[in-house]
Amino acid sequence: MAEAARELKALGAGAFAGACTDPCDGRTPGHRRHDDSLPFRNDAAIVLRRLMRSLPTGKGVLGIATCDKGCPP
């Protein structure tokens, strides 16, 4: 993320970092709370969307995901 922020700044863009976590399906299968995974991701997406909309100069978003399920297609 730091490298991406440096590149954006070099291009004249402002960079703002925000983070959103999600549960790992690799740790939850078979557990009774496994059903919370998708609703949690939906809540995280709502929070991240609100954060992005709150930025007054936002014209684009660069998302960096650490899991194939944590970033929308």
PDB file of N, CA and C in Angstrom:
ATOM      1  N   MET A   1       0.813  -1.173   0.000  1.00  0.00           N
ATOM      2  CA  MET A   1       0.000   0.000   0.000  1.00  0.00           C
ATOM      3  C   MET A   1       0.865   1.247   0.000  1.00  0.00           C
ATOM      4  N   ALA A   2       1.958   1.205   0.739  1.00  0.00           N
ATOM      5  CA  ALA A   2       2.846   2.361   0.785  1.00  0.00           C
ATOM      6  C   ALA A   2       3.425   2.655  -0.596  1.00  0.00           C
ATOM      7  N   GLU A   3       3.806   1.619  -1.308  1.00  0.00           N
ATOM      8  CA  GLU A   3       4.353   1.802  -2.655  1.00  0.00           C
ATOM      9  C   GLU A   3       3.295   2.369  -3.604  1.00  0.00           C
ATOM     10  N   ALA A   4       2.073   1.872  -3.496  1.00  0.00           N
ATOM     11  CA  ALA A   4       0.981   2.387  -4.328  1.00  0.00           C
ATOM     12  C   ALA A   4       0.730   3.861  -4.013  1.00  0.00           C
ATOM     13  N   ALA A   5       0.760   4.234  -2.744  1.00  0.00           N
ATOM     14  CA  ALA A   5       0.564   5.634  -2.351  1.00  0.00           C
ATOM     15  C   ALA A   5       1.671   6.518  -2.913  1.00  0.00           C
ATOM     16  N   ARG A   6       2.925   6.021  -2.888  1.00  0.00           N
ATOM     17  CA  ARG A   6       4.038   6.797  -3.448  1.00  0.00           C
ATOM     18  C   ARG A   6       3.845   7.015  -4.952  1.00  0.00           C
ATOM     19  N   GLU A   7       3.433   5.975  -5.652  1.00  0.00           N
ATOM     20  CA  GLU A   7       3.209   6.081  -7.100  1.00  0.00           C
ATOM     21  C   GLU A   7       2.087   7.067  -7.410  1.00  0.00           C
ATOM     22  N   LEU A   8       0.994   6.992  -6.655  1.00  0.00           N
ATOM     23  CA  LEU A   8      -0.119   7.913  -6.881  1.00  0.00           C
ATOM     24  C   LEU A   8       0.313   9.352  -6.621  1.00  0.00           C
ATOM     25  N   LYS A   9       1.068   9.559  -5.558  1.00  0.00           N
ATOM     26  CA  LYS A   9       1.541  10.899  -5.223  1.00  0.00           C
ATOM     27  C   LYS A   9       2.465  11.426  -6.319  1.00  0.00           C
ATOM     28  N   ALA A  10       3.320  10.565  -6.850  1.00  0.00           N
ATOM     29  CA  ALA A  10       4.223  10.963  -7.930  1.00  0.00           C
ATOM     30  C   ALA A  10       3.447  11.375  -9.177  1.00  0.00           C
ATOM     31  N   LEU A  11       2.269  10.822  -9.364  1.00  0.00           N
ATOM     32  CA  LEU A  11       1.420  11.164 -10.505  1.00  0.00           C
ATOM     33  C   LEU A  11       0.545  12.382 -10.235  1.00  0.00           C
ATOM     34  N   GLY A  12       0.689  12.959  -9.042  1.00  0.00           N
ATOM     35  CA  GLY A  12      -0.069  14.148  -8.705  1.00  0.00           C
ATOM     36  C   GLY A  12      -1.416  13.885  -8.062  1.00  0.00           C
ATOM     37  N   ALA A  13      -1.669  12.653  -7.696  1.00  0.00           N
ATOM     38  CA  ALA A  13      -2.935  12.303  -7.055  1.00  0.00           C
ATOM     39  C   ALA A  13      -2.765  12.307  -5.539  1.00  0.00           C
ATOM     40  N   GLY A  14      -3.844  12.572  -4.853  1.00  0.00           N
ATOM     41  CA  GLY A  14      -3.817  12.473  -3.398  1.00  0.00           C
ATOM     42  C   GLY A  14      -4.118  11.044  -2.995  1.00  0.00           C
ATOM     43  N   ALA A  15      -3.431  10.567  -2.020  1.00  0.00           N
ATOM     44  CA  ALA A  15      -3.653   9.185  -1.578  1.00  0.00           C
ATOM     45  C   ALA A  15      -4.204   9.188  -0.163  1.00  0.00           C
ATOM     46  N   PHE A  16      -5.196   8.366   0.056  1.00  0.00           N
ATOM     47  CA  PHE A  16      -5.795   8.190   1.371  1.00  0.00           C
ATOM     48  C   PHE A  16      -5.943   6.698   1.598  1.00  0.00           C
ATOM     49  N   ALA A  17      -5.452   6.204   2.704  1.00  0.00           N
ATOM     50  CA  ALA A  17      -5.528   4.771   2.984  1.00  0.00           C
ATOM     51  C   ALA A  17      -6.686   4.481   3.927  1.00  0.00           C
ATOM     52  N   GLY A  18      -7.471   3.496   3.580  1.00  0.00           N
ATOM     53  CA  GLY A  18      -8.534   3.003   4.443  1.00  0.00           C
ATOM     54  C   GLY A  18      -8.451   1.487   4.449  1.00  0.00           C
ATOM     55  N   ALA A  19      -8.851   0.885   5.516  1.00  0.00           N
ATOM     56  CA  ALA A  19      -8.752  -0.569   5.616  1.00  0.00           C
ATOM     57  C   ALA A  19     -10.085  -1.175   6.012  1.00  0.00           C
ATOM     58  N   CYS A  20     -10.335  -2.338   5.488  1.00  0.00           N
ATOM     59  CA  CYS A  20     -11.535  -3.102   5.817  1.00  0.00           C
ATOM     60  C   CYS A  20     -11.116  -4.564   5.910  1.00  0.00           C
ATOM     61  N   THR A  21     -11.449  -5.222   6.977  1.00  0.00           N
ATOM     62  CA  THR A  21     -11.060  -6.621   7.128  1.00  0.00           C
ATOM     63  C   THR A  21     -12.241  -7.537   6.828  1.00  0.00           C
ATOM     64  N   ASP A  22     -11.933  -8.773   6.600  1.00  0.00           N
ATOM     65  CA  ASP A  22     -12.995  -9.766   6.447  1.00  0.00           C
ATOM     66  C   ASP A  22     -12.517 -11.085   7.038  1.00  0.00           C
ATOM     67  N   PRO A  23     -13.455 -11.931   7.450  1.00  0.00           N
ATOM     68  CA  PRO A  23     -13.056 -13.205   8.054  1.00  0.00           C
ATOM     69  C   PRO A  23     -12.474 -14.155   7.017  1.00  0.00           C
ATOM     70  N   CYS A  24     -11.633 -15.025   7.461  1.00  0.00           N
ATOM     71  CA  CYS A  24     -10.999 -16.003   6.574  1.00  0.00           C
ATOM     72  C   CYS A  24     -11.816 -17.285   6.549  1.00  0.00           C
ATOM     73  N   ASP A  25     -12.297 -17.661   5.364  1.00  0.00           N
ATOM     74  CA  ASP A  25     -13.055 -18.912   5.240  1.00  0.00           C
ATOM     75  C   ASP A  25     -12.193 -20.128   5.536  1.00  0.00           C
ATOM     76  N   GLY A  26     -10.894 -19.984   5.402  1.00  0.00           N
ATOM     77  CA  GLY A  26     -10.007 -21.097   5.668  1.00  0.00           C
ATOM     78  C   GLY A  26      -9.979 -21.504   7.132  1.00  0.00           C
ATOM     79  N   ARG A  27     -10.418 -20.605   8.011  1.00  0.00           N
ATOM     80  CA  ARG A  27     -10.417 -20.909   9.444  1.00  0.00           C
ATOM     81  C   ARG A  27     -11.805 -21.234   9.971  1.00  0.00           C
ATOM     82  N   THR A  28     -12.858 -20.914   9.214  1.00  0.00           N
ATOM     83  CA  THR A  28     -14.208 -21.039   9.765  1.00  0.00           C
ATOM     84  C   THR A  28     -15.042 -22.216   9.270  1.00  0.00           C
ATOM     85  N   PRO A  29     -14.660 -22.980   8.238  1.00  0.00           N
ATOM     86  CA  PRO A  29     -15.542 -24.061   7.788  1.00  0.00           C
ATOM     87  C   PRO A  29     -15.886 -25.041   8.911  1.00  0.00           C
ATOM     88  N   GLY A  30     -17.141 -25.415   8.937  1.00  0.00           N
ATOM     89  CA  GLY A  30     -17.606 -26.368   9.933  1.00  0.00           C
ATOM     90  C   GLY A  30     -17.940 -25.732  11.266  1.00  0.00           C
ATOM     91  N   HIS A  31     -17.614 -24.477  11.408  1.00  0.00           N
ATOM     92  CA  HIS A  31     -17.878 -23.761  12.655  1.00  0.00           C
ATOM     93  C   HIS A  31     -19.250 -23.101  12.551  1.00  0.00           C
ATOM     94  N   ARG A  32     -19.962 -22.993  13.657  1.00  0.00           N
ATOM     95  CA  ARG A  32     -21.312 -22.442  13.601  1.00  0.00           C
ATOM     96  C   ARG A  32     -21.346 -20.978  13.172  1.00  0.00           C
ATOM     97  N   ARG A  33     -20.238 -20.281  13.299  1.00  0.00           N
ATOM     98  CA  ARG A  33     -20.209 -18.876  12.889  1.00  0.00           C
ATOM     99  C   ARG A  33     -19.772 -18.697  11.434  1.00  0.00           C
ATOM    100  N   HIS A  34     -19.575 -19.786  10.722  1.00  0.00           N
ATOM    101  CA  HIS A  34     -19.197 -19.712   9.312  1.00  0.00           C
ATOM    102  C   HIS A  34     -20.242 -18.933   8.511  1.00  0.00           C
ATOM    103  N   ASP A  35     -21.497 -18.996   8.921  1.00  0.00           N
ATOM    104  CA  ASP A  35     -22.565 -18.297   8.201  1.00  0.00           C
ATOM    105  C   ASP A  35     -22.446 -16.778   8.308  1.00  0.00           C
ATOM    106  N   ASP A  36     -21.614 -16.270   9.193  1.00  0.00           N
ATOM    107  CA  ASP A  36     -21.428 -14.823   9.333  1.00  0.00           C
ATOM    108  C   ASP A  36     -20.491 -14.254   8.271  1.00  0.00           C
ATOM    109  N   SER A  37     -19.810 -15.085   7.532  1.00  0.00           N
ATOM    110  CA  SER A  37     -18.785 -14.637   6.609  1.00  0.00           C
ATOM    111  C   SER A  37     -19.328 -13.680   5.540  1.00  0.00           C
ATOM    112  N   LEU A  38     -20.348 -14.089   4.805  1.00  0.00           N
ATOM    113  CA  LEU A  38     -20.872 -13.236   3.735  1.00  0.00           C
ATOM    114  C   LEU A  38     -21.541 -11.970   4.263  1.00  0.00           C
ATOM    115  N   PRO A  39     -22.391 -12.047   5.310  1.00  0.00           N
ATOM    116  CA  PRO A  39     -22.945 -10.793   5.840  1.00  0.00           C
ATOM    117  C   PRO A  39     -21.865  -9.839   6.339  1.00  0.00           C
ATOM    118  N   PHE A  40     -20.802 -10.374   6.924  1.00  0.00           N
ATOM    119  CA  PHE A  40     -19.704  -9.531   7.390  1.00  0.00           C
ATOM    120  C   PHE A  40     -19.072  -8.801   6.216  1.00  0.00           C
ATOM    121  N   ARG A  41     -18.843  -9.505   5.126  1.00  0.00           N
ATOM    122  CA  ARG A  41     -18.244  -8.879   3.943  1.00  0.00           C
ATOM    123  C   ARG A  41     -19.154  -7.802   3.376  1.00  0.00           C
ATOM    124  N   ASN A  42     -20.455  -8.045   3.397  1.00  0.00           N
ATOM    125  CA  ASN A  42     -21.394  -7.040   2.927  1.00  0.00           C
ATOM    126  C   ASN A  42     -21.311  -5.776   3.796  1.00  0.00           C
ATOM    127  N   ASP A  43     -21.282  -5.959   5.111  1.00  0.00           N
ATOM    128  CA  ASP A  43     -21.155  -4.810   6.015  1.00  0.00           C
ATOM    129  C   ASP A  43     -19.851  -4.057   5.763  1.00  0.00           C
ATOM    130  N   ALA A  44     -18.763  -4.789   5.562  1.00  0.00           N
ATOM    131  CA  ALA A  44     -17.469  -4.162   5.308  1.00  0.00           C
ATOM    132  C   ALA A  44     -17.515  -3.367   4.007  1.00  0.00           C
ATOM    133  N   ALA A  45     -18.175  -3.897   2.978  1.00  0.00           N
ATOM    134  CA  ALA A  45     -18.290  -3.191   1.705  1.00  0.00           C
ATOM    135  C   ALA A  45     -19.084  -1.901   1.862  1.00  0.00           C
ATOM    136  N   ILE A  46     -20.130  -1.935   2.668  1.00  0.00           N
ATOM    137  CA  ILE A  46     -20.939  -0.732   2.914  1.00  0.00           C
ATOM    138  C   ILE A  46     -20.101   0.337   3.601  1.00  0.00           C
ATOM    139  N   VAL A  47     -19.341  -0.063   4.619  1.00  0.00           N
ATOM    140  CA  VAL A  47     -18.499   0.893   5.343  1.00  0.00           C
ATOM    141  C   VAL A  47     -17.437   1.477   4.406  1.00  0.00           C
ATOM    142  N   LEU A  48     -16.793   0.640   3.616  1.00  0.00           N
ATOM    143  CA  LEU A  48     -15.758   1.122   2.704  1.00  0.00           C
ATOM    144  C   LEU A  48     -16.363   2.060   1.652  1.00  0.00           C
ATOM    145  N   ARG A  49     -17.540   1.729   1.139  1.00  0.00           N
ATOM    146  CA  ARG A  49     -18.204   2.597   0.159  1.00  0.00           C
ATOM    147  C   ARG A  49     -18.509   3.972   0.771  1.00  0.00           C
ATOM    148  N   ARG A  50     -18.986   3.971   1.999  1.00  0.00           N
ATOM    149  CA  ARG A  50     -19.268   5.253   2.662  1.00  0.00           C
ATOM    150  C   ARG A  50     -17.992   6.050   2.884  1.00  0.00           C
ATOM    151  N   LEU A  51     -16.920   5.369   3.240  1.00  0.00           N
ATOM    152  CA  LEU A  51     -15.635   6.042   3.414  1.00  0.00           C
ATOM    153  C   LEU A  51     -15.198   6.674   2.095  1.00  0.00           C
ATOM    154  N   MET A  52     -15.291   5.940   0.997  1.00  0.00           N
ATOM    155  CA  MET A  52     -14.877   6.466  -0.303  1.00  0.00           C
ATOM    156  C   MET A  52     -15.726   7.667  -0.710  1.00  0.00           C
ATOM    157  N   ARG A  53     -17.028   7.601  -0.464  1.00  0.00           N
ATOM    158  CA  ARG A  53     -17.908   8.709  -0.830  1.00  0.00           C
ATOM    159  C   ARG A  53     -17.655   9.947   0.021  1.00  0.00           C
ATOM    160  N   SER A  54     -17.081   9.776   1.204  1.00  0.00           N
ATOM    161  CA  SER A  54     -16.855  10.912   2.091  1.00  0.00           C
ATOM    162  C   SER A  54     -15.626  11.727   1.698  1.00  0.00           C
ATOM    163  N   LEU A  55     -14.796  11.208   0.823  1.00  0.00           N
ATOM    164  CA  LEU A  55     -13.592  11.924   0.412  1.00  0.00           C
ATOM    165  C   LEU A  55     -13.970  12.989  -0.616  1.00  0.00           C
ATOM    166  N   PRO A  56     -13.732  14.263  -0.308  1.00  0.00           N
ATOM    167  CA  PRO A  56     -14.214  15.341  -1.176  1.00  0.00           C
ATOM    168  C   PRO A  56     -13.564  15.394  -2.552  1.00  0.00           C
ATOM    169  N   THR A  57     -12.357  14.899  -2.693  1.00  0.00           N
ATOM    170  CA  THR A  57     -11.678  14.981  -3.982  1.00  0.00           C
ATOM    171  C   THR A  57     -11.544  13.620  -4.651  1.00  0.00           C
ATOM    172  N   GLY A  58     -12.265  12.641  -4.165  1.00  0.00           N
ATOM    173  CA  GLY A  58     -12.135  11.291  -4.708  1.00  0.00           C
ATOM    174  C   GLY A  58     -12.641  11.174  -6.137  1.00  0.00           C
ATOM    175  N   LYS A  59     -11.764  10.707  -7.031  1.00  0.00           N
ATOM    176  CA  LYS A  59     -12.152  10.487  -8.425  1.00  0.00           C
ATOM    177  C   LYS A  59     -11.909   9.040  -8.839  1.00  0.00           C
ATOM    178  N   GLY A  60     -11.292   8.293  -7.962  1.00  0.00           N
ATOM    179  CA  GLY A  60     -10.986   6.908  -8.274  1.00  0.00           C
ATOM    180  C   GLY A  60     -10.542   6.184  -7.019  1.00  0.00           C
ATOM    181  N   VAL A  61     -10.550   4.884  -7.103  1.00  0.00           N
ATOM    182  CA  VAL A  61     -10.175   4.053  -5.957  1.00  0.00           C
ATOM    183  C   VAL A  61      -9.247   2.952  -6.441  1.00  0.00           C
ATOM    184  N   LEU A  62      -8.202   2.728  -5.682  1.00  0.00           N
ATOM    185  CA  LEU A  62      -7.314   1.601  -5.929  1.00  0.00           C
ATOM    186  C   LEU A  62      -7.512   0.643  -4.770  1.00  0.00           C
ATOM    187  N   GLY A  63      -8.054  -0.515  -5.040  1.00  0.00           N
ATOM    188  CA  GLY A  63      -8.274  -1.510  -3.995  1.00  0.00           C
ATOM    189  C   GLY A  63      -7.171  -2.548  -4.001  1.00  0.00           C
ATOM    190  N   ILE A  64      -6.690  -2.880  -2.832  1.00  0.00           N
ATOM    191  CA  ILE A  64      -5.656  -3.907  -2.699  1.00  0.00           C
ATOM    192  C   ILE A  64      -6.212  -4.978  -1.776  1.00  0.00           C
ATOM    193  N   ALA A  65      -6.455  -6.139  -2.313  1.00  0.00           N
ATOM    194  CA  ALA A  65      -7.046  -7.234  -1.542  1.00  0.00           C
ATOM    195  C   ALA A  65      -5.973  -8.233  -1.133  1.00  0.00           C
ATOM    196  N   THR A  66      -6.182  -8.841   0.013  1.00  0.00           N
ATOM    197  CA  THR A  66      -5.256  -9.874   0.469  1.00  0.00           C
ATOM    198  C   THR A  66      -5.871 -11.260   0.344  1.00  0.00           C
ATOM    199  N   CYS A  67      -7.109 -11.309  -0.127  1.00  0.00           N
ATOM    200  CA  CYS A  67      -7.815 -12.582  -0.269  1.00  0.00           C
ATOM    201  C   CYS A  67      -8.704 -12.490  -1.502  1.00  0.00           C
ATOM    202  N   ASP A  68      -8.892 -13.590  -2.212  1.00  0.00           N
ATOM    203  CA  ASP A  68      -9.725 -13.571  -3.421  1.00  0.00           C
ATOM    204  C   ASP A  68     -11.179 -13.244  -3.117  1.00  0.00           C
ATOM    205  N   LYS A  69     -11.628 -13.440  -1.892  1.00  0.00           N
ATOM    206  CA  LYS A  69     -13.022 -13.180  -1.561  1.00  0.00           C
ATOM    207  C   LYS A  69     -13.245 -11.817  -0.925  1.00  0.00           C
ATOM    208  N   GLY A  70     -12.162 -11.105  -0.627  1.00  0.00           N
ATOM    209  CA  GLY A  70     -12.294  -9.832   0.063  1.00  0.00           C
ATOM    210  C   GLY A  70     -12.433  -8.631  -0.838  1.00  0.00           C
ATOM    211  N   CYS A  71     -12.336  -8.825  -2.140  1.00  0.00           N
ATOM    212  CA  CYS A  71     -12.426  -7.719  -3.080  1.00  0.00           C
ATOM    213  C   CYS A  71     -13.473  -8.053  -4.134  1.00  0.00           C
ATOM    214  N   PRO A  72     -14.434  -7.162  -4.366  1.00  0.00           N
ATOM    215  CA  PRO A  72     -15.474  -7.473  -5.357  1.00  0.00           C
ATOM    216  C   PRO A  72     -14.885  -7.571  -6.762  1.00  0.00           C
ATOM    217  N   PRO A  73     -15.501  -8.373  -7.628  1.00  0.00           N
ATOM    218  CA  PRO A  73     -14.971  -8.536  -9.007  1.00  0.00           C
ATOM    219  C   PRO A  73     -15.133  -7.282  -9.831  1.00  0.00           C
TER     220      PRO A  73
END
